[in-house]
Amino acid sequence: MGTRVCNKKEPVSPDMIRKLVEKSNLDNLLELRNVCIFILTFAGFFRIEEVLHIRYGEISFHSDYLTINVNRSKTDQLRKGSQVEIFRGLRYCYLPCKQFQALFKRG
């Protein structure tokens, strides 16, 4: 009575991300971009708004990790920004370094 039915969605799992990458055509620039967005959102614990505001100059590639400068975030009340590092060797997920480098070389 007066309450809506709540349909809980299943959380994204590492297996879902792995299957997404395996089934994607990474030669297609649009699919490559989308895969990078999904991986980055998952591996960096980002909200979609944060990912969509990341620019090329805010990503630094290193030998075993990448660094992303996040200028604005919903949880950044002081508006100072933050840095997020995503390391290679995450066994639960494909590291976006490889996909991002491919995207930036082609885009």
PDB file of N, CA and C in Angstrom:
ATOM      1  N   MET A   1       0.818  -1.185   0.000  1.00  0.00           N
ATOM      2  CA  MET A   1       0.000   0.000   0.000  1.00  0.00           C
ATOM      3  C   MET A   1       0.864   1.251   0.000  1.00  0.00           C
ATOM      4  N   GLY A   2       0.897   1.917  -1.085  1.00  0.00           N
ATOM      5  CA  GLY A   2       1.605   3.175  -1.170  1.00  0.00           C
ATOM      6  C   GLY A   2       3.114   3.053  -1.305  1.00  0.00           C
ATOM      7  N   THR A   3       3.640   1.857  -1.370  1.00  0.00           N
ATOM      8  CA  THR A   3       5.094   1.710  -1.526  1.00  0.00           C
ATOM      9  C   THR A   3       5.383   1.086  -2.877  1.00  0.00           C
ATOM     10  N   ARG A   4       6.484   1.511  -3.452  1.00  0.00           N
ATOM     11  CA  ARG A   4       6.885   0.967  -4.740  1.00  0.00           C
ATOM     12  C   ARG A   4       7.704  -0.304  -4.525  1.00  0.00           C
ATOM     13  N   VAL A   5       7.610  -1.186  -5.476  1.00  0.00           N
ATOM     14  CA  VAL A   5       8.404  -2.405  -5.444  1.00  0.00           C
ATOM     15  C   VAL A   5       9.824  -2.036  -5.860  1.00  0.00           C
ATOM     16  N   CYS A   6      10.787  -2.448  -5.063  1.00  0.00           N
ATOM     17  CA  CYS A   6      12.191  -2.149  -5.344  1.00  0.00           C
ATOM     18  C   CYS A   6      12.827  -3.343  -6.044  1.00  0.00           C
ATOM     19  N   ASN A   7      13.234  -3.135  -7.281  1.00  0.00           N
ATOM     20  CA  ASN A   7      13.917  -4.183  -8.031  1.00  0.00           C
ATOM     21  C   ASN A   7      15.411  -3.943  -7.930  1.00  0.00           C
ATOM     22  N   LYS A   8      16.073  -4.689  -7.063  1.00  0.00           N
ATOM     23  CA  LYS A   8      17.509  -4.526  -6.902  1.00  0.00           C
ATOM     24  C   LYS A   8      18.239  -5.116  -8.091  1.00  0.00           C
ATOM     25  N   LYS A   9      19.221  -4.385  -8.554  1.00  0.00           N
ATOM     26  CA  LYS A   9      20.031  -4.848  -9.660  1.00  0.00           C
ATOM     27  C   LYS A   9      21.231  -5.605  -9.128  1.00  0.00           C
ATOM     28  N   GLU A  10      21.673  -6.553  -9.910  1.00  0.00           N
ATOM     29  CA  GLU A  10      22.847  -7.324  -9.543  1.00  0.00           C
ATOM     30  C   GLU A  10      24.087  -6.435  -9.679  1.00  0.00           C
ATOM     31  N   PRO A  11      24.987  -6.436  -8.690  1.00  0.00           N
ATOM     32  CA  PRO A  11      26.195  -5.618  -8.805  1.00  0.00           C
ATOM     33  C   PRO A  11      27.117  -6.152  -9.904  1.00  0.00           C
ATOM     34  N   VAL A  12      27.905  -5.248 -10.474  1.00  0.00           N
ATOM     35  CA  VAL A  12      28.869  -5.639 -11.502  1.00  0.00           C
ATOM     36  C   VAL A  12      29.961  -6.471 -10.848  1.00  0.00           C
ATOM     37  N   SER A  13      30.306  -7.560 -11.491  1.00  0.00           N
ATOM     38  CA  SER A  13      31.339  -8.453 -10.953  1.00  0.00           C
ATOM     39  C   SER A  13      32.553  -8.454 -11.881  1.00  0.00           C
ATOM     40  N   PRO A  14      33.690  -8.905 -11.370  1.00  0.00           N
ATOM     41  CA  PRO A  14      34.875  -9.022 -12.231  1.00  0.00           C
ATOM     42  C   PRO A  14      34.635  -9.933 -13.432  1.00  0.00           C
ATOM     43  N   ASP A  15      33.846 -10.980 -13.232  1.00  0.00           N
ATOM     44  CA  ASP A  15      33.541 -11.877 -14.351  1.00  0.00           C
ATOM     45  C   ASP A  15      32.754 -11.166 -15.446  1.00  0.00           C
ATOM     46  N   MET A  16      31.848 -10.289 -15.064  1.00  0.00           N
ATOM     47  CA  MET A  16      31.091  -9.524 -16.049  1.00  0.00           C
ATOM     48  C   MET A  16      32.014  -8.637 -16.879  1.00  0.00           C
ATOM     49  N   ILE A  17      32.964  -8.002 -16.217  1.00  0.00           N
ATOM     50  CA  ILE A  17      33.917  -7.140 -16.916  1.00  0.00           C
ATOM     51  C   ILE A  17      34.777  -7.972 -17.859  1.00  0.00           C
ATOM     52  N   ARG A  18      35.266  -9.113 -17.390  1.00  0.00           N
ATOM     53  CA  ARG A  18      36.099  -9.977 -18.222  1.00  0.00           C
ATOM     54  C   ARG A  18      35.330 -10.439 -19.457  1.00  0.00           C
ATOM     55  N   LYS A  19      34.076 -10.857 -19.279  1.00  0.00           N
ATOM     56  CA  LYS A  19      33.262 -11.302 -20.416  1.00  0.00           C
ATOM     57  C   LYS A  19      33.005 -10.155 -21.394  1.00  0.00           C
ATOM     58  N   LEU A  20      32.797  -8.966 -20.864  1.00  0.00           N
ATOM     59  CA  LEU A  20      32.582  -7.795 -21.705  1.00  0.00           C
ATOM     60  C   LEU A  20      33.787  -7.551 -22.608  1.00  0.00           C
ATOM     61  N   VAL A  21      34.980  -7.624 -22.019  1.00  0.00           N
ATOM     62  CA  VAL A  21      36.202  -7.405 -22.798  1.00  0.00           C
ATOM     63  C   VAL A  21      36.377  -8.515 -23.831  1.00  0.00           C
ATOM     64  N   GLU A  22      36.154  -9.760 -23.432  1.00  0.00           N
ATOM     65  CA  GLU A  22      36.347 -10.882 -24.346  1.00  0.00           C
ATOM     66  C   GLU A  22      35.393 -10.837 -25.528  1.00  0.00           C
ATOM     67  N   LYS A  23      34.172 -10.378 -25.314  1.00  0.00           N
ATOM     68  CA  LYS A  23      33.166 -10.362 -26.377  1.00  0.00           C
ATOM     69  C   LYS A  23      33.199  -9.092 -27.216  1.00  0.00           C
ATOM     70  N   SER A  24      33.981  -8.114 -26.819  1.00  0.00           N
ATOM     71  CA  SER A  24      34.031  -6.844 -27.542  1.00  0.00           C
ATOM     72  C   SER A  24      35.007  -6.912 -28.703  1.00  0.00           C
ATOM     73  N   ASN A  25      34.686  -6.167 -29.736  1.00  0.00           N
ATOM     74  CA  ASN A  25      35.577  -6.013 -30.883  1.00  0.00           C
ATOM     75  C   ASN A  25      36.435  -4.778 -30.623  1.00  0.00           C
ATOM     76  N   LEU A  26      37.631  -4.985 -30.097  1.00  0.00           N
ATOM     77  CA  LEU A  26      38.483  -3.858 -29.715  1.00  0.00           C
ATOM     78  C   LEU A  26      39.116  -3.172 -30.915  1.00  0.00           C
ATOM     79  N   ASP A  27      38.872  -3.680 -32.130  1.00  0.00           N
ATOM     80  CA  ASP A  27      39.304  -2.984 -33.338  1.00  0.00           C
ATOM     81  C   ASP A  27      38.328  -1.865 -33.701  1.00  0.00           C
ATOM     82  N   ASN A  28      37.119  -1.936 -33.158  1.00  0.00           N
ATOM     83  CA  ASN A  28      36.108  -0.901 -33.363  1.00  0.00           C
ATOM     84  C   ASN A  28      36.334   0.192 -32.324  1.00  0.00           C
ATOM     85  N   LEU A  29      36.590   1.418 -32.759  1.00  0.00           N
ATOM     86  CA  LEU A  29      36.934   2.515 -31.856  1.00  0.00           C
ATOM     87  C   LEU A  29      35.836   2.803 -30.833  1.00  0.00           C
ATOM     88  N   LEU A  30      34.575   2.741 -31.248  1.00  0.00           N
ATOM     89  CA  LEU A  30      33.472   2.998 -30.322  1.00  0.00           C
ATOM     90  C   LEU A  30      33.405   1.921 -29.237  1.00  0.00           C
ATOM     91  N   GLU A  31      33.562   0.662 -29.619  1.00  0.00           N
ATOM     92  CA  GLU A  31      33.551  -0.415 -28.622  1.00  0.00           C
ATOM     93  C   GLU A  31      34.752  -0.323 -27.696  1.00  0.00           C
ATOM     94  N   LEU A  32      35.897   0.025 -28.249  1.00  0.00           N
ATOM     95  CA  LEU A  32      37.103   0.197 -27.431  1.00  0.00           C
ATOM     96  C   LEU A  32      36.899   1.296 -26.402  1.00  0.00           C
ATOM     97  N   ARG A  33      36.315   2.413 -26.819  1.00  0.00           N
ATOM     98  CA  ARG A  33      36.033   3.516 -25.896  1.00  0.00           C
ATOM     99  C   ARG A  33      35.080   3.070 -24.781  1.00  0.00           C
ATOM    100  N   ASN A  34      34.026   2.370 -25.152  1.00  0.00           N
ATOM    101  CA  ASN A  34      33.054   1.919 -24.156  1.00  0.00           C
ATOM    102  C   ASN A  34      33.662   0.931 -23.175  1.00  0.00           C
ATOM    103  N   VAL A  35      34.480   0.003 -23.679  1.00  0.00           N
ATOM    104  CA  VAL A  35      35.152  -0.955 -22.800  1.00  0.00           C
ATOM    105  C   VAL A  35      36.051  -0.206 -21.820  1.00  0.00           C
ATOM    106  N   CYS A  36      36.777   0.785 -22.304  1.00  0.00           N
ATOM    107  CA  CYS A  36      37.648   1.578 -21.422  1.00  0.00           C
ATOM    108  C   CYS A  36      36.835   2.276 -20.332  1.00  0.00           C
ATOM    109  N   ILE A  37      35.698   2.818 -20.689  1.00  0.00           N
ATOM    110  CA  ILE A  37      34.842   3.481 -19.697  1.00  0.00           C
ATOM    111  C   ILE A  37      34.379   2.481 -18.647  1.00  0.00           C
ATOM    112  N   PHE A  38      33.926   1.299 -19.066  1.00  0.00           N
ATOM    113  CA  PHE A  38      33.450   0.296 -18.108  1.00  0.00           C
ATOM    114  C   PHE A  38      34.567  -0.180 -17.185  1.00  0.00           C
ATOM    115  N   ILE A  39      35.732  -0.475 -17.778  1.00  0.00           N
ATOM    116  CA  ILE A  39      36.855  -0.958 -16.969  1.00  0.00           C
ATOM    117  C   ILE A  39      37.303   0.115 -15.983  1.00  0.00           C
ATOM    118  N   LEU A  40      37.425   1.333 -16.459  1.00  0.00           N
ATOM    119  CA  LEU A  40      37.876   2.421 -15.595  1.00  0.00           C
ATOM    120  C   LEU A  40      36.893   2.664 -14.451  1.00  0.00           C
ATOM    121  N   THR A  41      35.620   2.655 -14.752  1.00  0.00           N
ATOM    122  CA  THR A  41      34.608   2.851 -13.715  1.00  0.00           C
ATOM    123  C   THR A  41      34.715   1.765 -12.655  1.00  0.00           C
ATOM    124  N   PHE A  42      34.914   0.532 -13.087  1.00  0.00           N
ATOM    125  CA  PHE A  42      35.003  -0.588 -12.158  1.00  0.00           C
ATOM    126  C   PHE A  42      36.316  -0.570 -11.379  1.00  0.00           C
ATOM    127  N   ALA A  43      37.445  -0.467 -12.078  1.00  0.00           N
ATOM    128  CA  ALA A  43      38.757  -0.574 -11.430  1.00  0.00           C
ATOM    129  C   ALA A  43      39.083   0.632 -10.555  1.00  0.00           C
ATOM    130  N   GLY A  44      38.568   1.807 -10.919  1.00  0.00           N
ATOM    131  CA  GLY A  44      38.872   3.012 -10.154  1.00  0.00           C
ATOM    132  C   GLY A  44      37.787   3.410  -9.175  1.00  0.00           C
ATOM    133  N   PHE A  45      36.722   2.627  -9.082  1.00  0.00           N
ATOM    134  CA  PHE A  45      35.586   2.936  -8.197  1.00  0.00           C
ATOM    135  C   PHE A  45      35.006   4.326  -8.498  1.00  0.00           C
ATOM    136  N   PHE A  46      34.919   4.642  -9.790  1.00  0.00           N
ATOM    137  CA  PHE A  46      34.400   5.946 -10.198  1.00  0.00           C
ATOM    138  C   PHE A  46      32.901   5.910 -10.394  1.00  0.00           C
ATOM    139  N   ARG A  47      32.300   7.080 -10.281  1.00  0.00           N
ATOM    140  CA  ARG A  47      30.931   7.280 -10.743  1.00  0.00           C
ATOM    141  C   ARG A  47      31.029   7.636 -12.225  1.00  0.00           C
ATOM    142  N   ILE A  48      29.964   7.385 -12.962  1.00  0.00           N
ATOM    143  CA  ILE A  48      30.010   7.632 -14.401  1.00  0.00           C
ATOM    144  C   ILE A  48      30.295   9.100 -14.702  1.00  0.00           C
ATOM    145  N   GLU A  49      29.769  10.013 -13.914  1.00  0.00           N
ATOM    146  CA  GLU A  49      30.022  11.441 -14.134  1.00  0.00           C
ATOM    147  C   GLU A  49      31.509  11.775 -14.021  1.00  0.00           C
ATOM    148  N   GLU A  50      32.188  11.132 -13.095  1.00  0.00           N
ATOM    149  CA  GLU A  50      33.627  11.369 -12.926  1.00  0.00           C
ATOM    150  C   GLU A  50      34.405  10.869 -14.141  1.00  0.00           C
ATOM    151  N   VAL A  51      34.032   9.716 -14.648  1.00  0.00           N
ATOM    152  CA  VAL A  51      34.732   9.146 -15.803  1.00  0.00           C
ATOM    153  C   VAL A  51      34.518  10.010 -17.042  1.00  0.00           C
ATOM    154  N   LEU A  52      33.306  10.487 -17.236  1.00  0.00           N
ATOM    155  CA  LEU A  52      33.006  11.259 -18.438  1.00  0.00           C
ATOM    156  C   LEU A  52      33.681  12.628 -18.452  1.00  0.00           C
ATOM    157  N   HIS A  53      34.157  13.111 -17.304  1.00  0.00           N
ATOM    158  CA  HIS A  53      34.840  14.399 -17.245  1.00  0.00           C
ATOM    159  C   HIS A  53      36.369  14.276 -17.298  1.00  0.00           C
ATOM    160  N   ILE A  54      36.891  13.054 -17.379  1.00  0.00           N
ATOM    161  CA  ILE A  54      38.338  12.858 -17.465  1.00  0.00           C
ATOM    162  C   ILE A  54      38.808  13.237 -18.868  1.00  0.00           C
ATOM    163  N   ARG A  55      39.870  14.009 -18.928  1.00  0.00           N
ATOM    164  CA  ARG A  55      40.457  14.431 -20.204  1.00  0.00           C
ATOM    165  C   ARG A  55      41.812  13.761 -20.393  1.00  0.00           C
ATOM    166  N   TYR A  56      42.286  13.750 -21.619  1.00  0.00           N
ATOM    167  CA  TYR A  56      43.530  13.065 -21.964  1.00  0.00           C
ATOM    168  C   TYR A  56      44.698  13.507 -21.090  1.00  0.00           C
ATOM    169  N   GLY A  57      44.860  14.790 -20.853  1.00  0.00           N
ATOM    170  CA  GLY A  57      45.977  15.304 -20.070  1.00  0.00           C
ATOM    171  C   GLY A  57      45.928  14.937 -18.601  1.00  0.00           C
ATOM    172  N   GLU A  58      44.827  14.384 -18.138  1.00  0.00           N
ATOM    173  CA  GLU A  58      44.672  14.018 -16.735  1.00  0.00           C
ATOM    174  C   GLU A  58      45.052  12.556 -16.473  1.00  0.00           C
ATOM    175  N   ILE A  59      45.492  11.847 -17.512  1.00  0.00           N
ATOM    176  CA  ILE A  59      45.896  10.449 -17.377  1.00  0.00           C
ATOM    177  C   ILE A  59      47.390  10.342 -17.637  1.00  0.00           C
ATOM    178  N   SER A  60      48.107   9.721 -16.691  1.00  0.00           N
ATOM    179  CA  SER A  60      49.541   9.499 -16.842  1.00  0.00           C
ATOM    180  C   SER A  60      49.803   7.994 -16.829  1.00  0.00           C
ATOM    181  N   PHE A  61      50.502   7.503 -17.840  1.00  0.00           N
ATOM    182  CA  PHE A  61      50.844   6.092 -17.923  1.00  0.00           C
ATOM    183  C   PHE A  61      52.228   5.885 -17.332  1.00  0.00           C
ATOM    184  N   HIS A  62      52.364   4.879 -16.501  1.00  0.00           N
ATOM    185  CA  HIS A  62      53.636   4.505 -15.895  1.00  0.00           C
ATOM    186  C   HIS A  62      53.893   3.036 -16.223  1.00  0.00           C
ATOM    187  N   SER A  63      55.052   2.524 -15.854  1.00  0.00           N
ATOM    188  CA  SER A  63      55.395   1.153 -16.235  1.00  0.00           C
ATOM    189  C   SER A  63      54.441   0.110 -15.660  1.00  0.00           C
ATOM    190  N   ASP A  64      53.985   0.293 -14.425  1.00  0.00           N
ATOM    191  CA  ASP A  64      53.119  -0.729 -13.835  1.00  0.00           C
ATOM    192  C   ASP A  64      51.808  -0.185 -13.277  1.00  0.00           C
ATOM    193  N   TYR A  65      51.462   1.040 -13.615  1.00  0.00           N
ATOM    194  CA  TYR A  65      50.189   1.614 -13.177  1.00  0.00           C
ATOM    195  C   TYR A  65      49.859   2.845 -14.013  1.00  0.00           C
ATOM    196  N   LEU A  66      48.637   3.330 -13.868  1.00  0.00           N
ATOM    197  CA  LEU A  66      48.278   4.607 -14.460  1.00  0.00           C
ATOM    198  C   LEU A  66      47.710   5.499 -13.370  1.00  0.00           C
ATOM    199  N   THR A  67      47.893   6.798 -13.531  1.00  0.00           N
ATOM    200  CA  THR A  67      47.409   7.791 -12.566  1.00  0.00           C
ATOM    201  C   THR A  67      46.393   8.671 -13.268  1.00  0.00           C
ATOM    202  N   ILE A  68      45.288   8.923 -12.594  1.00  0.00           N
ATOM    203  CA  ILE A  68      44.243   9.786 -13.138  1.00  0.00           C
ATOM    204  C   ILE A  68      43.986  10.908 -12.150  1.00  0.00           C
ATOM    205  N   ASN A  69      44.056  12.139 -12.629  1.00  0.00           N
ATOM    206  CA  ASN A  69      43.706  13.301 -11.807  1.00  0.00           C
ATOM    207  C   ASN A  69      42.216  13.556 -11.967  1.00  0.00           C
ATOM    208  N   VAL A  70      41.502  13.535 -10.866  1.00  0.00           N
ATOM    209  CA  VAL A  70      40.064  13.767 -10.878  1.00  0.00           C
ATOM    210  C   VAL A  70      39.836  15.171 -10.325  1.00  0.00           C
ATOM    211  N   ASN A  71      39.404  16.075 -11.195  1.00  0.00           N
ATOM    212  CA  ASN A  71      39.229  17.472 -10.779  1.00  0.00           C
ATOM    213  C   ASN A  71      37.951  17.718 -10.012  1.00  0.00           C
ATOM    214  N   ARG A  72      36.908  16.978 -10.358  1.00  0.00           N
ATOM    215  CA  ARG A  72      35.647  17.165  -9.646  1.00  0.00           C
ATOM    216  C   ARG A  72      34.998  15.828  -9.345  1.00  0.00           C
ATOM    217  N   SER A  73      34.417  15.785  -8.161  1.00  0.00           N
ATOM    218  CA  SER A  73      33.775  14.563  -7.706  1.00  0.00           C
ATOM    219  C   SER A  73      32.635  14.924  -6.773  1.00  0.00           C
ATOM    220  N   LYS A  74      31.626  14.109  -6.752  1.00  0.00           N
ATOM    221  CA  LYS A  74      30.478  14.334  -5.878  1.00  0.00           C
ATOM    222  C   LYS A  74      30.894  14.334  -4.404  1.00  0.00           C
ATOM    223  N   THR A  75      31.902  13.530  -4.077  1.00  0.00           N
ATOM    224  CA  THR A  75      32.315  13.407  -2.677  1.00  0.00           C
ATOM    225  C   THR A  75      33.428  14.380  -2.287  1.00  0.00           C
ATOM    226  N   ASP A  76      33.899  15.194  -3.214  1.00  0.00           N
ATOM    227  CA  ASP A  76      34.973  16.148  -2.947  1.00  0.00           C
ATOM    228  C   ASP A  76      34.363  17.482  -2.530  1.00  0.00           C
ATOM    229  N   GLN A  77      34.018  17.601  -1.269  1.00  0.00           N
ATOM    230  CA  GLN A  77      33.315  18.791  -0.783  1.00  0.00           C
ATOM    231  C   GLN A  77      34.177  20.045  -0.797  1.00  0.00           C
ATOM    232  N   LEU A  78      35.495  19.893  -0.651  1.00  0.00           N
ATOM    233  CA  LEU A  78      36.386  21.051  -0.642  1.00  0.00           C
ATOM    234  C   LEU A  78      36.865  21.417  -2.044  1.00  0.00           C
ATOM    235  N   ARG A  79      36.478  20.635  -3.042  1.00  0.00           N
ATOM    236  CA  ARG A  79      36.835  20.874  -4.442  1.00  0.00           C
ATOM    237  C   ARG A  79      38.342  20.967  -4.664  1.00  0.00           C
ATOM    238  N   LYS A  80      39.088  20.098  -3.986  1.00  0.00           N
ATOM    239  CA  LYS A  80      40.536  20.073  -4.141  1.00  0.00           C
ATOM    240  C   LYS A  80      40.979  19.115  -5.244  1.00  0.00           C
ATOM    241  N   GLY A  81      40.106  18.200  -5.629  1.00  0.00           N
ATOM    242  CA  GLY A  81      40.481  17.192  -6.604  1.00  0.00           C
ATOM    243  C   GLY A  81      41.217  16.050  -5.916  1.00  0.00           C
ATOM    244  N   SER A  82      41.507  15.026  -6.670  1.00  0.00           N
ATOM    245  CA  SER A  82      42.221  13.886  -6.113  1.00  0.00           C
ATOM    246  C   SER A  82      42.945  13.146  -7.228  1.00  0.00           C
ATOM    247  N   GLN A  83      43.802  12.232  -6.830  1.00  0.00           N
ATOM    248  CA  GLN A  83      44.522  11.375  -7.767  1.00  0.00           C
ATOM    249  C   GLN A  83      44.163   9.930  -7.481  1.00  0.00           C
ATOM    250  N   VAL A  84      43.899   9.180  -8.534  1.00  0.00           N
ATOM    251  CA  VAL A  84      43.579   7.765  -8.405  1.00  0.00           C
ATOM    252  C   VAL A  84      44.623   6.980  -9.183  1.00  0.00           C
ATOM    253  N   GLU A  85      45.187   5.964  -8.550  1.00  0.00           N
ATOM    254  CA  GLU A  85      46.166   5.102  -9.200  1.00  0.00           C
ATOM    255  C   GLU A  85      45.568   3.716  -9.386  1.00  0.00           C
ATOM    256  N   ILE A  86      45.713   3.194 -10.588  1.00  0.00           N
ATOM    257  CA  ILE A  86      45.218   1.857 -10.897  1.00  0.00           C
ATOM    258  C   ILE A  86      46.421   1.039 -11.348  1.00  0.00           C
ATOM    259  N   PHE A  87      46.695  -0.028 -10.629  1.00  0.00           N
ATOM    260  CA  PHE A  87      47.907  -0.809 -10.836  1.00  0.00           C
ATOM    261  C   PHE A  87      47.688  -2.001 -11.749  1.00  0.00           C
ATOM    262  N   ARG A  88      48.753  -2.386 -12.444  1.00  0.00           N
ATOM    263  CA  ARG A  88      48.738  -3.629 -13.214  1.00  0.00           C
ATOM    264  C   ARG A  88      48.721  -4.795 -12.236  1.00  0.00           C
ATOM    265  N   GLY A  89      48.363  -5.938 -12.731  1.00  0.00           N
ATOM    266  CA  GLY A  89      48.409  -7.123 -11.895  1.00  0.00           C
ATOM    267  C   GLY A  89      47.163  -7.323 -11.059  1.00  0.00           C
ATOM    268  N   LEU A  90      46.124  -6.549 -11.328  1.00  0.00           N
ATOM    269  CA  LEU A  90      44.867  -6.797 -10.622  1.00  0.00           C
ATOM    270  C   LEU A  90      44.305  -8.089 -11.192  1.00  0.00           C
ATOM    271  N   ARG A  91      44.296  -9.127 -10.420  1.00  0.00           N
ATOM    272  CA  ARG A  91      43.901 -10.421 -10.959  1.00  0.00           C
ATOM    273  C   ARG A  91      42.411 -10.506 -11.234  1.00  0.00           C
ATOM    274  N   TYR A  92      41.616  -9.594 -10.652  1.00  0.00           N
ATOM    275  CA  TYR A  92      40.171  -9.694 -10.820  1.00  0.00           C
ATOM    276  C   TYR A  92      39.668  -8.978 -12.053  1.00  0.00           C
ATOM    277  N   CYS A  93      40.527  -8.263 -12.733  1.00  0.00           N
ATOM    278  CA  CYS A  93      40.014  -7.428 -13.808  1.00  0.00           C
ATOM    279  C   CYS A  93      41.129  -7.106 -14.787  1.00  0.00           C
ATOM    280  N   TYR A  94      40.771  -6.853 -16.007  1.00  0.00           N
ATOM    281  CA  TYR A  94      41.747  -6.386 -16.976  1.00  0.00           C
ATOM    282  C   TYR A  94      42.169  -4.979 -16.593  1.00  0.00           C
ATOM    283  N   LEU A  95      43.439  -4.720 -16.620  1.00  0.00           N
ATOM    284  CA  LEU A  95      43.916  -3.387 -16.328  1.00  0.00           C
ATOM    285  C   LEU A  95      43.670  -2.500 -17.536  1.00  0.00           C
ATOM    286  N   PRO A  96      43.142  -1.320 -17.324  1.00  0.00           N
ATOM    287  CA  PRO A  96      42.812  -0.473 -18.457  1.00  0.00           C
ATOM    288  C   PRO A  96      44.014   0.138 -19.160  1.00  0.00           C
ATOM    289  N   CYS A  97      45.217   0.032 -18.618  1.00  0.00           N
ATOM    290  CA  CYS A  97      46.378   0.652 -19.265  1.00  0.00           C
ATOM    291  C   CYS A  97      46.479   0.245 -20.725  1.00  0.00           C
ATOM    292  N   LYS A  98      46.407  -1.044 -20.979  1.00  0.00           N
ATOM    293  CA  LYS A  98      46.557  -1.555 -22.339  1.00  0.00           C
ATOM    294  C   LYS A  98      45.451  -1.016 -23.251  1.00  0.00           C
ATOM    295  N   GLN A  99      44.207  -1.068 -22.792  1.00  0.00           N
ATOM    296  CA  GLN A  99      43.091  -0.596 -23.593  1.00  0.00           C
ATOM    297  C   GLN A  99      43.156   0.927 -23.790  1.00  0.00           C
ATOM    298  N   PHE A 100      43.516   1.658 -22.743  1.00  0.00           N
ATOM    299  CA  PHE A 100      43.602   3.117 -22.853  1.00  0.00           C
ATOM    300  C   PHE A 100      44.690   3.533 -23.823  1.00  0.00           C
ATOM    301  N   GLN A 101      45.836   2.893 -23.728  1.00  0.00           N
ATOM    302  CA  GLN A 101      46.918   3.244 -24.642  1.00  0.00           C
ATOM    303  C   GLN A 101      46.504   2.975 -26.080  1.00  0.00           C
ATOM    304  N   ALA A 102      45.801   1.891 -26.311  1.00  0.00           N
ATOM    305  CA  ALA A 102      45.298   1.596 -27.660  1.00  0.00           C
ATOM    306  C   ALA A 102      44.288   2.652 -28.100  1.00  0.00           C
ATOM    307  N   LEU A 103      43.422   3.063 -27.189  1.00  0.00           N
ATOM    308  CA  LEU A 103      42.418   4.071 -27.509  1.00  0.00           C
ATOM    309  C   LEU A 103      43.085   5.399 -27.863  1.00  0.00           C
ATOM    310  N   PHE A 104      44.072   5.827 -27.080  1.00  0.00           N
ATOM    311  CA  PHE A 104      44.699   7.122 -27.328  1.00  0.00           C
ATOM    312  C   PHE A 104      45.567   7.106 -28.583  1.00  0.00           C
ATOM    313  N   LYS A 105      46.122   5.961 -28.929  1.00  0.00           N
ATOM    314  CA  LYS A 105      46.903   5.865 -30.164  1.00  0.00           C
ATOM    315  C   LYS A 105      46.003   5.984 -31.385  1.00  0.00           C
ATOM    316  N   ARG A 106      44.790   5.431 -31.275  1.00  0.00           N
ATOM    317  CA  ARG A 106      43.868   5.423 -32.420  1.00  0.00           C
ATOM    318  C   ARG A 106      43.007   6.669 -32.494  1.00  0.00           C
ATOM    319  N   GLY A 107      42.653   7.213 -31.296  1.00  0.00           N
ATOM    320  CA  GLY A 107      41.713   8.337 -31.240  1.00  0.00           C
ATOM    321  C   GLY A 107      42.400   9.601 -31.511  1.00  0.00           C
TER     322      GLY A 107
END
